[in-house]
């Protein structure tokens, strides 16, 4: 399974991505969890202590490495650089062990440039994702919020994309744009997960406006309490959200492995 998780900012995509990775690992899958969001916090959802990643730099900000592999300084505009940099050795060098033997990689994202940014950093990130998504491991990628990353094409090597949505018109519209752009880059398996749903009207609102809904996650105070306590949701027994994500995990396995 090679899955990218996307969605509007604040919809809960990172909580879903990290919890899904841990649950799949507990089912016996070799998992790599990649944080491709510039506002990275996937490590905390995975249950990695801050001390373990305090000095960890995102791949997107490793300027010396980017220059070494692409032949161009990422801070110099208009440079000539390699379009196929060597990245085969990077996954093992960059990952950090998370609970349940999940391998965590802090990739980050290009913070400058617009849609389709052709720059040394973006070329390296795309090559790196292609390498990881071609590995024998199962991969969950927590993408940056919104739709710009799809314009850059960094998700094109995945097998499927899941958009996490809240029961709001803005979140629904973002999901529609994500689905359209995903198919433009060849991602045919696109799904939706509803999150922070408080009642049946909100549940039906999501299902009315979007297809391929894998499941619904109820609003759960445990999610915020876990964040405040620095605890992974997957370690919170009795969580309604965790129970729902576990059911969705089983649906994903059926969808992606058949």
Protein backbone atom coordinates (compact mmCIF):
# COMPACT_ATOMS: atom_id res chain seq x y z
CA UNK A 1 0.00 0.00 0.00
CA UNK A 2 1.37 3.38 -1.07
CA UNK A 3 -1.07 6.01 0.18
CA UNK A 4 -0.96 9.81 0.33
CA UNK A 5 -3.17 11.58 2.87
CA UNK A 6 -4.39 15.06 1.98
CA UNK A 7 -7.02 17.58 2.99
CA UNK A 8 -7.80 21.12 4.00
CA UNK A 9 -5.76 22.54 6.87
CA UNK A 10 -7.20 21.54 10.22
CA UNK A 11 -9.30 18.69 8.87
CA UNK A 12 -7.29 16.11 10.82
CA UNK A 13 -5.23 14.51 8.06
CA UNK A 14 -2.08 14.20 10.18
CA UNK A 15 -3.92 12.51 13.06
CA UNK A 16 -5.47 10.10 10.59
CA UNK A 17 -2.18 9.43 8.76
CA UNK A 18 -0.15 8.73 11.88
CA UNK A 19 -2.81 6.60 13.54
CA UNK A 20 -3.37 4.62 10.34
CA UNK A 21 0.37 3.92 10.04
CA UNK A 22 0.57 2.61 13.61
CA UNK A 23 -2.54 0.44 13.23
CA UNK A 24 -1.29 -1.10 9.97
CA UNK A 25 2.08 -1.80 11.60
CA UNK A 26 0.29 -3.61 14.41
CA UNK A 27 -1.36 -5.74 11.74
CA UNK A 28 2.09 -6.87 10.62
CA UNK A 29 2.78 -4.48 7.75
CA UNK A 30 6.25 -2.97 7.32
CA UNK A 31 5.40 0.73 7.42
CA UNK A 32 7.17 3.92 6.40
CA UNK A 33 5.45 7.13 7.50
CA UNK A 34 6.59 10.27 5.67
CA UNK A 35 5.87 13.79 6.85
CA UNK A 36 5.66 15.88 3.67
CA UNK A 37 3.97 18.84 5.34
CA UNK A 38 6.01 22.05 5.92
CA UNK A 39 4.20 22.40 9.27
CA UNK A 40 5.38 18.97 10.32
CA UNK A 41 4.01 17.24 13.41
CA UNK A 42 3.42 13.68 12.24
CA UNK A 43 6.11 12.49 14.65
CA UNK A 44 3.96 13.39 17.67
CA UNK A 45 0.96 11.49 16.27
CA UNK A 46 3.24 8.49 15.79
CA UNK A 47 4.33 8.72 19.42
CA UNK A 48 7.94 9.80 18.81
CA UNK A 49 9.32 11.89 21.65
CA UNK A 50 10.40 15.44 20.86
CA UNK A 51 13.92 14.77 22.14
CA UNK A 52 14.39 12.13 19.46
CA UNK A 53 13.73 14.49 16.55
CA UNK A 54 14.75 17.84 18.04
CA UNK A 55 17.85 18.09 15.83
CA UNK A 56 16.26 16.35 12.85
CA UNK A 57 16.12 18.56 9.74
CA UNK A 58 13.57 18.00 6.96
CA UNK A 59 15.02 16.70 3.72
CA UNK A 60 13.53 19.73 1.96
CA UNK A 61 15.78 22.00 4.03
CA UNK A 62 19.03 20.04 3.72
CA UNK A 63 20.60 22.54 1.33
CA UNK A 64 24.03 20.92 1.34
CA UNK A 65 22.56 17.53 0.46
CA UNK A 66 20.32 19.07 -2.21
CA UNK A 67 23.33 20.78 -3.75
CA UNK A 68 25.40 17.59 -3.57
CA UNK A 69 22.77 15.45 -5.28
CA UNK A 70 21.40 17.92 -7.85
CA UNK A 71 24.55 19.91 -8.56
CA UNK A 72 22.84 23.23 -7.85
CA UNK A 73 22.50 25.56 -4.88
CA UNK A 74 18.77 25.62 -3.97
CA UNK A 75 19.07 29.29 -2.97
CA UNK A 76 20.37 30.42 -6.37
CA UNK A 77 17.65 31.20 -8.91
CA UNK A 78 18.11 29.96 -12.46
CA UNK A 79 20.69 27.27 -11.72
CA UNK A 80 21.18 24.25 -13.97
CA UNK A 81 20.64 21.01 -12.03
CA UNK A 82 20.24 17.25 -12.44
CA UNK A 83 16.71 16.04 -13.05
CA UNK A 84 17.47 12.52 -11.82
CA UNK A 85 19.54 12.91 -8.64
CA UNK A 86 20.77 9.81 -6.81
CA UNK A 87 18.48 9.05 -3.86
CA UNK A 88 18.61 5.27 -3.46
CA UNK A 89 20.67 5.49 -0.26
CA UNK A 90 18.62 8.22 1.42
CA UNK A 91 15.63 6.39 2.98
CA UNK A 92 17.77 4.27 5.30
CA UNK A 93 19.91 7.27 6.21
CA UNK A 94 16.97 9.50 7.05
CA UNK A 95 14.42 7.36 8.84
CA UNK A 96 13.87 7.32 12.61
CA UNK A 97 12.32 4.36 14.40
CA UNK A 98 8.84 5.03 15.78
CA UNK A 99 6.73 2.76 18.03
CA UNK A 100 5.43 -0.47 16.46
CA UNK A 101 8.55 -0.46 14.23
CA UNK A 102 7.17 2.27 11.97
CA UNK A 103 9.97 4.01 10.08
CA UNK A 104 9.47 7.78 10.19
CA UNK A 105 10.98 10.13 7.61
CA UNK A 106 10.81 13.91 7.95
CA UNK A 107 10.74 15.05 4.33
CA UNK A 108 9.05 18.44 4.58
CA UNK A 109 8.00 20.40 1.52
CA UNK A 110 9.27 23.17 -0.71
CA UNK A 111 8.22 26.43 0.93
CA UNK A 112 8.86 28.69 -2.02
CA UNK A 113 7.75 28.64 -5.60
CA UNK A 114 4.30 28.06 -6.96
CA UNK A 115 2.45 25.21 -8.57
CA UNK A 116 4.75 23.03 -10.62
CA UNK A 117 7.86 24.52 -9.02
CA UNK A 118 10.89 23.27 -10.97
CA UNK A 119 13.76 23.76 -8.55
CA UNK A 120 16.57 21.60 -7.16
CA UNK A 121 14.74 20.93 -3.87
CA UNK A 122 11.51 19.88 -5.53
CA UNK A 123 13.33 17.63 -8.00
CA UNK A 124 15.10 15.88 -5.13
CA UNK A 125 11.87 15.46 -3.15
CA UNK A 126 10.05 13.98 -6.14
CA UNK A 127 12.92 11.58 -6.81
CA UNK A 128 13.02 10.64 -3.13
CA UNK A 129 9.28 9.95 -2.95
CA UNK A 130 9.47 7.88 -6.12
CA UNK A 131 12.27 5.83 -4.54
CA UNK A 132 10.36 5.23 -1.30
CA UNK A 133 7.08 4.50 -3.03
CA UNK A 134 8.88 1.90 -5.14
CA UNK A 135 10.21 0.08 -2.08
CA UNK A 136 8.91 -3.16 -0.58
CA UNK A 137 7.48 -1.30 2.40
CA UNK A 138 3.98 0.05 2.80
CA UNK A 139 4.03 3.83 2.80
CA UNK A 140 1.79 6.51 4.31
CA UNK A 141 2.58 10.08 3.23
CA UNK A 142 1.13 13.00 5.18
CA UNK A 143 0.98 15.66 2.46
CA UNK A 144 0.88 19.41 3.00
CA UNK A 145 -2.58 20.90 3.44
CA UNK A 146 -4.49 22.13 0.41
CA UNK A 147 -3.89 21.40 -3.27
CA UNK A 148 -0.55 22.99 -4.22
CA UNK A 149 1.47 19.82 -3.69
CA UNK A 150 -0.58 18.09 -6.40
CA UNK A 151 0.48 20.79 -8.85
CA UNK A 152 4.09 20.02 -8.01
CA UNK A 153 3.47 16.37 -8.73
CA UNK A 154 5.04 15.01 -5.56
CA UNK A 155 2.14 12.58 -5.01
CA UNK A 156 2.08 11.10 -8.49
CA UNK A 157 3.94 7.91 -7.54
CA UNK A 158 1.42 6.78 -4.93
CA UNK A 159 -1.17 4.07 -5.57
CA UNK A 160 -3.98 5.92 -3.85
CA UNK A 161 -4.93 9.20 -2.21
CA UNK A 162 -7.23 9.70 0.76
CA UNK A 163 -8.66 13.14 1.49
CA UNK A 164 -9.76 13.87 5.05
CA UNK A 165 -12.75 16.22 5.18
CA UNK A 166 -14.80 18.00 7.78
CA UNK A 167 -18.56 18.45 7.31
CA UNK A 168 -18.20 21.99 5.92
CA UNK A 169 -18.68 23.40 2.40
CA UNK A 170 -15.08 24.66 2.24
CA UNK A 171 -13.67 21.27 3.17
CA UNK A 172 -15.94 19.55 0.63
CA UNK A 173 -14.82 21.94 -2.12
CA UNK A 174 -11.16 21.35 -1.31
CA UNK A 175 -11.74 17.59 -1.52
CA UNK A 176 -13.30 17.98 -4.97
CA UNK A 177 -10.33 19.98 -6.23
CA UNK A 178 -7.90 17.45 -4.77
CA UNK A 179 -9.70 14.58 -6.48
CA UNK A 180 -9.68 16.38 -9.83
CA UNK A 181 -5.98 17.26 -9.63
CA UNK A 182 -5.10 13.77 -8.44
CA UNK A 183 -6.62 12.25 -11.53
CA UNK A 184 -4.79 14.78 -13.69
CA UNK A 185 -1.50 13.29 -12.47
CA UNK A 186 -2.69 9.71 -12.87
CA UNK A 187 -3.96 8.87 -9.38
CA UNK A 188 -7.14 6.92 -10.05
CA UNK A 189 -7.74 5.50 -6.57
CA UNK A 190 -9.05 8.50 -4.66
CA UNK A 191 -11.06 8.19 -1.47
CA UNK A 192 -12.59 10.32 1.26
CA UNK A 193 -12.68 10.01 5.04
CA UNK A 194 -15.09 12.20 6.99
CA UNK A 195 -13.76 13.57 10.28
CA UNK A 196 -15.02 15.48 13.33
CA UNK A 197 -18.61 14.44 12.61
CA UNK A 198 -21.03 15.17 15.46
CA UNK A 199 -24.37 13.86 14.17
CA UNK A 200 -26.14 12.02 11.38
CA UNK A 201 -26.93 15.23 9.45
CA UNK A 202 -23.21 15.94 9.13
CA UNK A 203 -22.56 12.35 8.14
CA UNK A 204 -25.17 12.55 5.38
CA UNK A 205 -23.82 15.96 4.27
CA UNK A 206 -20.44 14.43 3.48
CA UNK A 207 -21.88 11.37 1.75
CA UNK A 208 -24.28 13.51 -0.30
CA UNK A 209 -21.54 15.68 -1.77
CA UNK A 210 -18.63 13.22 -2.12
CA UNK A 211 -18.19 9.73 -3.55
CA UNK A 212 -15.91 6.92 -2.40
CA UNK A 213 -16.31 7.64 1.33
CA UNK A 214 -14.32 4.99 3.18
CA UNK A 215 -15.76 5.85 6.57
CA UNK A 216 -16.67 8.50 9.10
CA UNK A 217 -14.70 9.49 12.21
CA UNK A 218 -16.81 11.02 15.00
CA UNK A 219 -15.79 14.14 16.86
CA UNK A 220 -13.85 12.95 19.89
CA UNK A 221 -12.39 15.06 22.71
CA UNK A 222 -9.83 12.30 23.24
CA UNK A 223 -8.00 13.49 20.11
CA UNK A 224 -7.32 16.92 21.58
CA UNK A 225 -6.57 15.50 25.02
CA UNK A 226 -3.99 13.17 23.49
CA UNK A 227 -2.32 16.08 21.70
CA UNK A 228 -2.21 18.13 24.90
CA UNK A 229 -0.70 15.21 26.80
CA UNK A 230 1.83 14.47 24.06
CA UNK A 231 0.33 11.03 23.61
CA UNK A 232 -0.39 9.13 20.41
CA UNK A 233 -4.10 8.57 19.76
CA UNK A 234 -3.40 4.91 19.00
CA UNK A 235 -2.41 4.46 22.64
CA UNK A 236 -5.68 5.92 23.97
CA UNK A 237 -7.98 3.06 24.85
CA UNK A 238 -11.68 3.84 24.61
CA UNK A 239 -11.29 6.54 21.94
CA UNK A 240 -14.28 6.70 19.59
CA UNK A 241 -12.10 8.22 16.87
CA UNK A 242 -9.54 5.44 17.22
CA UNK A 243 -12.24 2.80 16.92
CA UNK A 244 -13.53 4.43 13.72
CA UNK A 245 -10.04 4.72 12.21
CA UNK A 246 -9.45 1.04 12.96
CA UNK A 247 -12.58 0.14 10.97
CA UNK A 248 -11.50 2.41 8.12
CA UNK A 249 -8.08 0.75 8.19
CA UNK A 250 -9.71 -2.60 7.43
CA UNK A 251 -11.63 -1.06 4.52
CA UNK A 252 -8.41 0.44 3.15
CA UNK A 253 -6.68 -2.93 3.28
CA UNK A 254 -9.51 -4.45 1.25
CA UNK A 255 -9.53 -1.59 -1.26
CA UNK A 256 -5.77 -1.35 -1.78
CA UNK A 257 -4.82 -5.02 -1.66
CA UNK A 258 -7.46 -6.39 -4.06
